[in-house]
Structure formats: C-alpha cells, structure tokens
Amino acid sequence: ATDSFFTRQFAMEYAVLFDQMIPWFTSEGWAF
C-alpha cells in the first residue's frame, strides 16, 4: 500500500470490500 497513491486507494477498497462488505453480506445471508 505504501508504493503509490493508487496502491493506497486500492488497499482501502479491498479492506472495505473484504473486511466489511462481504462479512456483512454473509451475516445477512445475502449473495455477493
């Protein structure tokens, strides 16, 4: 993530999707 502006933005996106959105969808029984 420390390599560039794009890698830090990319890292934020991945953290939101895989550490927040998908676990939330899982807990609700939603497809993703």
PDB file of all heavy atoms in Angstrom:
ATOM      1  N   ALA A   1       0.813  -1.222   0.000  1.00  0.00           N
ATOM      2  CA  ALA A   1       0.000   0.000   0.000  1.00  0.00           C
ATOM      3  C   ALA A   1       0.843   1.266   0.000  1.00  0.00           C
ATOM      4  O   ALA A   1       0.386   2.330  -0.434  1.00  0.00           O
ATOM      5  CB  ALA A   1      -0.942   0.000   1.201  1.00  0.00           C
ATOM      6  N   THR A   2       2.061   1.189   0.477  1.00  0.00           N
ATOM      7  CA  THR A   2       2.877   2.406   0.588  1.00  0.00           C
ATOM      8  C   THR A   2       3.523   2.811  -0.732  1.00  0.00           C
ATOM      9  O   THR A   2       4.207   3.832  -0.793  1.00  0.00           O
ATOM     10  CB  THR A   2       3.982   2.195   1.638  1.00  0.00           C
ATOM     11  OG1 THR A   2       4.780   1.055   1.255  1.00  0.00           O
ATOM     12  CG2 THR A   2       3.382   1.936   3.011  1.00  0.00           C
ATOM     13  N   ASP A   3       3.307   2.039  -1.796  1.00  0.00           N
ATOM     14  CA  ASP A   3       4.029   2.310  -3.046  1.00  0.00           C
ATOM     15  C   ASP A   3       3.573   3.573  -3.756  1.00  0.00           C
ATOM     16  O   ASP A   3       4.380   4.276  -4.356  1.00  0.00           O
ATOM     17  CB  ASP A   3       3.880   1.113  -3.997  1.00  0.00           C
ATOM     18  CG  ASP A   3       4.857  -0.002  -3.669  1.00  0.00           C
ATOM     19  OD1 ASP A   3       5.698   0.194  -2.778  1.00  0.00           O
ATOM     20  OD2 ASP A   3       4.769  -1.076  -4.292  1.00  0.00           O
ATOM     21  N   SER A   4       2.267   3.856  -3.768  1.00  0.00           N
ATOM     22  CA  SER A   4       1.776   4.996  -4.542  1.00  0.00           C
ATOM     23  C   SER A   4       0.366   5.371  -4.081  1.00  0.00           C
ATOM     24  O   SER A   4      -0.249   4.683  -3.266  1.00  0.00           O
ATOM     25  CB  SER A   4       1.750   4.662  -6.042  1.00  0.00           C
ATOM     26  OG  SER A   4       0.759   3.683  -6.321  1.00  0.00           O
ATOM     27  N   PHE A   5      -0.130   6.469  -4.635  1.00  0.00           N
ATOM     28  CA  PHE A   5      -1.498   6.899  -4.360  1.00  0.00           C
ATOM     29  C   PHE A   5      -2.494   5.824  -4.765  1.00  0.00           C
ATOM     30  O   PHE A   5      -3.452   5.529  -4.048  1.00  0.00           O
ATOM     31  CB  PHE A   5      -1.775   8.201  -5.116  1.00  0.00           C
ATOM     32  CG  PHE A   5      -3.215   8.638  -5.105  1.00  0.00           C
ATOM     33  CD1 PHE A   5      -3.766   9.237  -3.978  1.00  0.00           C
ATOM     34  CD2 PHE A   5      -4.020   8.447  -6.218  1.00  0.00           C
ATOM     35  CE1 PHE A   5      -5.102   9.636  -3.974  1.00  0.00           C
ATOM     36  CE2 PHE A   5      -5.351   8.849  -6.219  1.00  0.00           C
ATOM     37  CZ  PHE A   5      -5.887   9.449  -5.088  1.00  0.00           C
ATOM     38  N   PHE A   6      -2.257   5.191  -5.915  1.00  0.00           N
ATOM     39  CA  PHE A   6      -3.188   4.168  -6.399  1.00  0.00           C
ATOM     40  C   PHE A   6      -3.166   2.919  -5.523  1.00  0.00           C
ATOM     41  O   PHE A   6      -4.208   2.305  -5.294  1.00  0.00           O
ATOM     42  CB  PHE A   6      -2.872   3.816  -7.854  1.00  0.00           C
ATOM     43  CG  PHE A   6      -3.300   4.860  -8.832  1.00  0.00           C
ATOM     44  CD1 PHE A   6      -2.377   5.723  -9.392  1.00  0.00           C
ATOM     45  CD2 PHE A   6      -4.630   5.009  -9.179  1.00  0.00           C
ATOM     46  CE1 PHE A   6      -2.780   6.700 -10.291  1.00  0.00           C
ATOM     47  CE2 PHE A   6      -5.044   5.974 -10.070  1.00  0.00           C
ATOM     48  CZ  PHE A   6      -4.109   6.832 -10.631  1.00  0.00           C
ATOM     49  N   THR A   7      -2.010   2.548  -5.026  1.00  0.00           N
ATOM     50  CA  THR A   7      -1.971   1.353  -4.177  1.00  0.00           C
ATOM     51  C   THR A   7      -2.672   1.599  -2.846  1.00  0.00           C
ATOM     52  O   THR A   7      -3.310   0.688  -2.305  1.00  0.00           O
ATOM     53  CB  THR A   7      -0.518   0.907  -3.922  1.00  0.00           C
ATOM     54  OG1 THR A   7       0.215   1.971  -3.314  1.00  0.00           O
ATOM     55  CG2 THR A   7       0.159   0.487  -5.220  1.00  0.00           C
ATOM     56  N   ARG A   8      -2.590   2.815  -2.330  1.00  0.00           N
ATOM     57  CA  ARG A   8      -3.281   3.103  -1.061  1.00  0.00           C
ATOM     58  C   ARG A   8      -4.798   3.146  -1.274  1.00  0.00           C
ATOM     59  O   ARG A   8      -5.557   2.643  -0.445  1.00  0.00           O
ATOM     60  CB  ARG A   8      -2.778   4.418  -0.460  1.00  0.00           C
ATOM     61  CG  ARG A   8      -1.363   4.328   0.100  1.00  0.00           C
ATOM     62  CD  ARG A   8      -0.986   5.564   0.893  1.00  0.00           C
ATOM     63  NE  ARG A   8      -0.925   6.768   0.057  1.00  0.00           N
ATOM     64  CZ  ARG A   8       0.133   7.140  -0.646  1.00  0.00           C
ATOM     65  NH1 ARG A   8       1.225   6.399  -0.631  1.00  0.00           N
ATOM     66  NH2 ARG A   8       0.121   8.252  -1.360  1.00  0.00           N
ATOM     67  N   GLN A   9      -5.248   3.732  -2.370  1.00  0.00           N
ATOM     68  CA  GLN A   9      -6.671   3.724  -2.674  1.00  0.00           C
ATOM     69  C   GLN A   9      -7.159   2.294  -2.898  1.00  0.00           C
ATOM     70  O   GLN A   9      -8.235   1.894  -2.435  1.00  0.00           O
ATOM     71  CB  GLN A   9      -6.947   4.571  -3.917  1.00  0.00           C
ATOM     72  CG  GLN A   9      -6.709   6.059  -3.737  1.00  0.00           C
ATOM     73  CD  GLN A   9      -7.761   6.708  -2.845  1.00  0.00           C
ATOM     74  OE1 GLN A   9      -8.876   6.221  -2.702  1.00  0.00           O
ATOM     75  NE2 GLN A   9      -7.396   7.833  -2.221  1.00  0.00           N
ATOM     76  N   PHE A  10      -6.362   1.512  -3.614  1.00  0.00           N
ATOM     77  CA  PHE A  10      -6.682   0.111  -3.871  1.00  0.00           C
ATOM     78  C   PHE A  10      -6.787  -0.652  -2.552  1.00  0.00           C
ATOM     79  O   PHE A  10      -7.702  -1.465  -2.347  1.00  0.00           O
ATOM     80  CB  PHE A  10      -5.571  -0.488  -4.743  1.00  0.00           C
ATOM     81  CG  PHE A  10      -5.980  -1.685  -5.545  1.00  0.00           C
ATOM     82  CD1 PHE A  10      -6.135  -1.590  -6.914  1.00  0.00           C
ATOM     83  CD2 PHE A  10      -6.183  -2.902  -4.957  1.00  0.00           C
ATOM     84  CE1 PHE A  10      -6.491  -2.688  -7.679  1.00  0.00           C
ATOM     85  CE2 PHE A  10      -6.541  -4.015  -5.700  1.00  0.00           C
ATOM     86  CZ  PHE A  10      -6.705  -3.903  -7.060  1.00  0.00           C
ATOM     87  N   ALA A  11      -5.843  -0.409  -1.657  1.00  0.00           N
ATOM     88  CA  ALA A  11      -5.848  -1.094  -0.366  1.00  0.00           C
ATOM     89  C   ALA A  11      -7.090  -0.742   0.447  1.00  0.00           C
ATOM     90  O   ALA A  11      -7.682  -1.602   1.121  1.00  0.00           O
ATOM     91  CB  ALA A  11      -4.584  -0.736   0.417  1.00  0.00           C
ATOM     92  N   MET A  12      -7.507   0.534   0.400  1.00  0.00           N
ATOM     93  CA  MET A  12      -8.734   0.929   1.094  1.00  0.00           C
ATOM     94  C   MET A  12      -9.947   0.213   0.512  1.00  0.00           C
ATOM     95  O   MET A  12     -10.804  -0.288   1.251  1.00  0.00           O
ATOM     96  CB  MET A  12      -8.935   2.448   0.996  1.00  0.00           C
ATOM     97  CG  MET A  12      -8.280   3.245   2.100  1.00  0.00           C
ATOM     98  SD  MET A  12      -9.010   4.906   2.280  1.00  0.00           S
ATOM     99  CE  MET A  12      -8.626   5.637   0.711  1.00  0.00           C
ATOM    100  N   GLU A  13     -10.033   0.170  -0.811  1.00  0.00           N
ATOM    101  CA  GLU A  13     -11.155  -0.512  -1.463  1.00  0.00           C
ATOM    102  C   GLU A  13     -11.233  -1.971  -1.035  1.00  0.00           C
ATOM    103  O   GLU A  13     -12.307  -2.489  -0.710  1.00  0.00           O
ATOM    104  CB  GLU A  13     -10.980  -0.439  -2.980  1.00  0.00           C
ATOM    105  CG  GLU A  13     -11.354   0.877  -3.606  1.00  0.00           C
ATOM    106  CD  GLU A  13     -11.243   0.798  -5.117  1.00  0.00           C
ATOM    107  OE1 GLU A  13     -10.189   0.380  -5.618  1.00  0.00           O
ATOM    108  OE2 GLU A  13     -12.217   1.155  -5.800  1.00  0.00           O
ATOM    109  N   TYR A  14     -10.111  -2.659  -1.073  1.00  0.00           N
ATOM    110  CA  TYR A  14     -10.091  -4.065  -0.700  1.00  0.00           C
ATOM    111  C   TYR A  14     -10.479  -4.258   0.759  1.00  0.00           C
ATOM    112  O   TYR A  14     -11.204  -5.196   1.105  1.00  0.00           O
ATOM    113  CB  TYR A  14      -8.692  -4.650  -0.952  1.00  0.00           C
ATOM    114  CG  TYR A  14      -8.563  -5.385  -2.260  1.00  0.00           C
ATOM    115  CD1 TYR A  14      -9.275  -4.966  -3.390  1.00  0.00           C
ATOM    116  CD2 TYR A  14      -7.737  -6.488  -2.390  1.00  0.00           C
ATOM    117  CE1 TYR A  14      -9.159  -5.638  -4.596  1.00  0.00           C
ATOM    118  CE2 TYR A  14      -7.617  -7.172  -3.599  1.00  0.00           C
ATOM    119  CZ  TYR A  14      -8.325  -6.743  -4.691  1.00  0.00           C
ATOM    120  OH  TYR A  14      -8.221  -7.421  -5.874  1.00  0.00           O
ATOM    121  N   ALA A  15      -9.991  -3.383   1.633  1.00  0.00           N
ATOM    122  CA  ALA A  15     -10.321  -3.509   3.056  1.00  0.00           C
ATOM    123  C   ALA A  15     -11.817  -3.326   3.279  1.00  0.00           C
ATOM    124  O   ALA A  15     -12.432  -4.045   4.079  1.00  0.00           O
ATOM    125  CB  ALA A  15      -9.522  -2.484   3.867  1.00  0.00           C
ATOM    126  N   VAL A  16     -12.419  -2.370   2.569  1.00  0.00           N
ATOM    127  CA  VAL A  16     -13.869  -2.154   2.695  1.00  0.00           C
ATOM    128  C   VAL A  16     -14.635  -3.361   2.186  1.00  0.00           C
ATOM    129  O   VAL A  16     -15.563  -3.858   2.839  1.00  0.00           O
ATOM    130  CB  VAL A  16     -14.288  -0.876   1.941  1.00  0.00           C
ATOM    131  CG1 VAL A  16     -15.809  -0.776   1.868  1.00  0.00           C
ATOM    132  CG2 VAL A  16     -13.721   0.355   2.619  1.00  0.00           C
ATOM    133  N   LEU A  17     -14.252  -3.868   1.011  1.00  0.00           N
ATOM    134  CA  LEU A  17     -14.994  -4.967   0.396  1.00  0.00           C
ATOM    135  C   LEU A  17     -14.842  -6.265   1.183  1.00  0.00           C
ATOM    136  O   LEU A  17     -15.840  -6.920   1.531  1.00  0.00           O
ATOM    137  CB  LEU A  17     -14.525  -5.172  -1.044  1.00  0.00           C
ATOM    138  CG  LEU A  17     -15.164  -6.342  -1.797  1.00  0.00           C
ATOM    139  CD1 LEU A  17     -16.670  -6.162  -1.910  1.00  0.00           C
ATOM    140  CD2 LEU A  17     -14.543  -6.490  -3.187  1.00  0.00           C
ATOM    141  N   PHE A  18     -13.605  -6.660   1.476  1.00  0.00           N
ATOM    142  CA  PHE A  18     -13.366  -7.992   2.039  1.00  0.00           C
ATOM    143  C   PHE A  18     -13.437  -8.043   3.562  1.00  0.00           C
ATOM    144  O   PHE A  18     -13.700  -9.114   4.120  1.00  0.00           O
ATOM    145  CB  PHE A  18     -12.013  -8.521   1.564  1.00  0.00           C
ATOM    146  CG  PHE A  18     -11.979  -8.827   0.095  1.00  0.00           C
ATOM    147  CD1 PHE A  18     -11.386  -7.944  -0.799  1.00  0.00           C
ATOM    148  CD2 PHE A  18     -12.561  -9.971  -0.401  1.00  0.00           C
ATOM    149  CE1 PHE A  18     -11.366  -8.207  -2.155  1.00  0.00           C
ATOM    150  CE2 PHE A  18     -12.551 -10.253  -1.755  1.00  0.00           C
ATOM    151  CZ  PHE A  18     -11.956  -9.363  -2.632  1.00  0.00           C
ATOM    152  N   ASP A  19     -13.224  -6.915   4.226  1.00  0.00           N
ATOM    153  CA  ASP A  19     -13.276  -6.924   5.688  1.00  0.00           C
ATOM    154  C   ASP A  19     -14.570  -6.345   6.244  1.00  0.00           C
ATOM    155  O   ASP A  19     -14.837  -6.484   7.440  1.00  0.00           O
ATOM    156  CB  ASP A  19     -12.090  -6.139   6.267  1.00  0.00           C
ATOM    157  CG  ASP A  19     -10.751  -6.765   5.920  1.00  0.00           C
ATOM    158  OD1 ASP A  19     -10.733  -7.970   5.616  1.00  0.00           O
ATOM    159  OD2 ASP A  19      -9.735  -6.059   5.915  1.00  0.00           O
ATOM    160  N   GLN A  20     -15.362  -5.696   5.378  1.00  0.00           N
ATOM    161  CA  GLN A  20     -16.605  -5.096   5.849  1.00  0.00           C
ATOM    162  C   GLN A  20     -17.819  -5.571   5.050  1.00  0.00           C
ATOM    163  O   GLN A  20     -18.749  -6.157   5.611  1.00  0.00           O
ATOM    164  CB  GLN A  20     -16.499  -3.556   5.794  1.00  0.00           C
ATOM    165  CG  GLN A  20     -15.484  -2.983   6.775  1.00  0.00           C
ATOM    166  CD  GLN A  20     -15.383  -1.470   6.690  1.00  0.00           C
ATOM    167  OE1 GLN A  20     -15.904  -0.828   5.784  1.00  0.00           O
ATOM    168  NE2 GLN A  20     -14.693  -0.883   7.652  1.00  0.00           N
ATOM    169  N   MET A  21     -17.806  -5.330   3.730  1.00  0.00           N
ATOM    170  CA  MET A  21     -18.998  -5.621   2.932  1.00  0.00           C
ATOM    171  C   MET A  21     -19.313  -7.121   2.890  1.00  0.00           C
ATOM    172  O   MET A  21     -20.442  -7.540   3.184  1.00  0.00           O
ATOM    173  CB  MET A  21     -18.815  -5.089   1.505  1.00  0.00           C
ATOM    174  CG  MET A  21     -18.703  -3.591   1.395  1.00  0.00           C
ATOM    175  SD  MET A  21     -20.219  -2.710   1.857  1.00  0.00           S
ATOM    176  CE  MET A  21     -21.295  -3.121   0.497  1.00  0.00           C
ATOM    177  N   ILE A  22     -18.339  -7.943   2.529  1.00  0.00           N
ATOM    178  CA  ILE A  22     -18.602  -9.374   2.381  1.00  0.00           C
ATOM    179  C   ILE A  22     -18.949 -10.023   3.720  1.00  0.00           C
ATOM    180  O   ILE A  22     -19.898 -10.828   3.783  1.00  0.00           O
ATOM    181  CB  ILE A  22     -17.416 -10.070   1.684  1.00  0.00           C
ATOM    182  CG1 ILE A  22     -17.384  -9.646   0.211  1.00  0.00           C
ATOM    183  CG2 ILE A  22     -17.503 -11.589   1.809  1.00  0.00           C
ATOM    184  CD1 ILE A  22     -16.273 -10.265  -0.607  1.00  0.00           C
ATOM    185  N   PRO A  23     -18.250  -9.717   4.836  1.00  0.00           N
ATOM    186  CA  PRO A  23     -18.706 -10.262   6.127  1.00  0.00           C
ATOM    187  C   PRO A  23     -20.120  -9.820   6.496  1.00  0.00           C
ATOM    188  O   PRO A  23     -20.888 -10.610   7.066  1.00  0.00           O
ATOM    189  CB  PRO A  23     -17.676  -9.709   7.120  1.00  0.00           C
ATOM    190  CG  PRO A  23     -16.445  -9.521   6.306  1.00  0.00           C
ATOM    191  CD  PRO A  23     -16.931  -9.061   4.957  1.00  0.00           C
ATOM    192  N   TRP A  24     -20.473  -8.595   6.168  1.00  0.00           N
ATOM    193  CA  TRP A  24     -21.835  -8.122   6.448  1.00  0.00           C
ATOM    194  C   TRP A  24     -22.846  -8.883   5.601  1.00  0.00           C
ATOM    195  O   TRP A  24     -23.874  -9.355   6.112  1.00  0.00           O
ATOM    196  CB  TRP A  24     -21.916  -6.622   6.164  1.00  0.00           C
ATOM    197  CG  TRP A  24     -23.274  -6.012   6.400  1.00  0.00           C
ATOM    198  CD1 TRP A  24     -24.101  -6.253   7.464  1.00  0.00           C
ATOM    199  CD2 TRP A  24     -23.948  -5.075   5.558  1.00  0.00           C
ATOM    200  NE1 TRP A  24     -25.256  -5.515   7.336  1.00  0.00           N
ATOM    201  CE2 TRP A  24     -25.190  -4.778   6.180  1.00  0.00           C
ATOM    202  CE3 TRP A  24     -23.620  -4.446   4.365  1.00  0.00           C
ATOM    203  CZ2 TRP A  24     -26.095  -3.892   5.612  1.00  0.00           C
ATOM    204  CZ3 TRP A  24     -24.521  -3.553   3.814  1.00  0.00           C
ATOM    205  CH2 TRP A  24     -25.752  -3.281   4.435  1.00  0.00           C
ATOM    206  N   PHE A  25     -22.571  -9.038   4.313  1.00  0.00           N
ATOM    207  CA  PHE A  25     -23.460  -9.805   3.448  1.00  0.00           C
ATOM    208  C   PHE A  25     -23.592 -11.240   3.946  1.00  0.00           C
ATOM    209  O   PHE A  25     -24.675 -11.832   3.909  1.00  0.00           O
ATOM    210  CB  PHE A  25     -22.924  -9.796   2.014  1.00  0.00           C
ATOM    211  CG  PHE A  25     -23.331  -8.585   1.213  1.00  0.00           C
ATOM    212  CD1 PHE A  25     -23.316  -7.321   1.775  1.00  0.00           C
ATOM    213  CD2 PHE A  25     -23.720  -8.695  -0.110  1.00  0.00           C
ATOM    214  CE1 PHE A  25     -23.670  -6.202   1.049  1.00  0.00           C
ATOM    215  CE2 PHE A  25     -24.094  -7.587  -0.855  1.00  0.00           C
ATOM    216  CZ  PHE A  25     -24.070  -6.333  -0.269  1.00  0.00           C
ATOM    217  N   THR A  26     -22.482 -11.820   4.408  1.00  0.00           N
ATOM    218  CA  THR A  26     -22.516 -13.189   4.924  1.00  0.00           C
ATOM    219  C   THR A  26     -23.441 -13.304   6.123  1.00  0.00           C
ATOM    220  O   THR A  26     -24.262 -14.228   6.222  1.00  0.00           O
ATOM    221  CB  THR A  26     -21.103 -13.643   5.321  1.00  0.00           C
ATOM    222  OG1 THR A  26     -20.281 -13.685   4.149  1.00  0.00           O
ATOM    223  CG2 THR A  26     -21.128 -15.026   5.954  1.00  0.00           C
ATOM    224  N   SER A  27     -23.328 -12.369   7.038  1.00  0.00           N
ATOM    225  CA  SER A  27     -24.146 -12.428   8.248  1.00  0.00           C
ATOM    226  C   SER A  27     -25.631 -12.290   7.954  1.00  0.00           C
ATOM    227  O   SER A  27     -26.475 -12.797   8.697  1.00  0.00           O
ATOM    228  CB  SER A  27     -23.704 -11.337   9.229  1.00  0.00           C
ATOM    229  OG  SER A  27     -23.985 -10.044   8.708  1.00  0.00           O
ATOM    230  N   GLU A  28     -25.967 -11.609   6.844  1.00  0.00           N
ATOM    231  CA  GLU A  28     -27.368 -11.422   6.466  1.00  0.00           C
ATOM    232  C   GLU A  28     -27.881 -12.511   5.527  1.00  0.00           C
ATOM    233  O   GLU A  28     -29.054 -12.519   5.173  1.00  0.00           O
ATOM    234  CB  GLU A  28     -27.545 -10.054   5.798  1.00  0.00           C
ATOM    235  CG  GLU A  28     -27.174  -8.862   6.674  1.00  0.00           C
ATOM    236  CD  GLU A  28     -28.092  -8.724   7.876  1.00  0.00           C
ATOM    237  OE1 GLU A  28     -29.242  -9.217   7.816  1.00  0.00           O
ATOM    238  OE2 GLU A  28     -27.670  -8.126   8.886  1.00  0.00           O
ATOM    239  N   GLY A  29     -26.988 -13.410   5.080  1.00  0.00           N
ATOM    240  CA  GLY A  29     -27.400 -14.460   4.157  1.00  0.00           C
ATOM    241  C   GLY A  29     -27.589 -13.986   2.736  1.00  0.00           C
ATOM    242  O   GLY A  29     -28.317 -14.614   1.953  1.00  0.00           O
ATOM    243  N   TRP A  30     -26.928 -12.893   2.354  1.00  0.00           N
ATOM    244  CA  TRP A  30     -27.054 -12.342   1.005  1.00  0.00           C
ATOM    245  C   TRP A  30     -25.961 -12.907   0.100  1.00  0.00           C
ATOM    246  O   TRP A  30     -24.858 -13.225   0.550  1.00  0.00           O
ATOM    247  CB  TRP A  30     -26.939 -10.818   1.026  1.00  0.00           C
ATOM    248  CG  TRP A  30     -28.005 -10.139   1.819  1.00  0.00           C
ATOM    249  CD1 TRP A  30     -29.268 -10.609   2.065  1.00  0.00           C
ATOM    250  CD2 TRP A  30     -27.914  -8.868   2.474  1.00  0.00           C
ATOM    251  NE1 TRP A  30     -29.971  -9.709   2.819  1.00  0.00           N
ATOM    252  CE2 TRP A  30     -29.169  -8.623   3.101  1.00  0.00           C
ATOM    253  CE3 TRP A  30     -26.917  -7.911   2.604  1.00  0.00           C
ATOM    254  CZ2 TRP A  30     -29.429  -7.476   3.823  1.00  0.00           C
ATOM    255  CZ3 TRP A  30     -27.176  -6.760   3.327  1.00  0.00           C
ATOM    256  CH2 TRP A  30     -28.422  -6.544   3.932  1.00  0.00           C
ATOM    257  N   ALA A  31     -26.270 -12.993  -1.175  1.00  0.00           N
ATOM    258  CA  ALA A  31     -25.259 -13.382  -2.163  1.00  0.00           C
ATOM    259  C   ALA A  31     -24.315 -12.204  -2.404  1.00  0.00           C
ATOM    260  O   ALA A  31     -24.674 -11.039  -2.190  1.00  0.00           O
ATOM    261  CB  ALA A  31     -25.932 -13.793  -3.468  1.00  0.00           C
ATOM    262  N   PHE A  32     -23.102 -12.509  -2.852  1.00  0.00           N
ATOM    263  CA  PHE A  32     -22.142 -11.447  -3.140  1.00  0.00           C
ATOM    264  C   PHE A  32     -21.210 -11.896  -4.274  1.00  0.00           C
ATOM    265  O   PHE A  32     -20.986 -13.095  -4.462  1.00  0.00           O
ATOM    266  CB  PHE A  32     -21.320 -11.072  -1.896  1.00  0.00           C
ATOM    267  CG  PHE A  32     -20.595 -12.221  -1.259  1.00  0.00           C
ATOM    268  CD1 PHE A  32     -19.344 -12.636  -1.719  1.00  0.00           C
ATOM    269  CD2 PHE A  32     -21.149 -12.895  -0.184  1.00  0.00           C
ATOM    270  CE1 PHE A  32     -18.677 -13.694  -1.128  1.00  0.00           C
ATOM    271  CE2 PHE A  32     -20.490 -13.952   0.427  1.00  0.00           C
ATOM    272  CZ  PHE A  32     -19.243 -14.349  -0.049  1.00  0.00           C
TER     273      PHE A  32
END
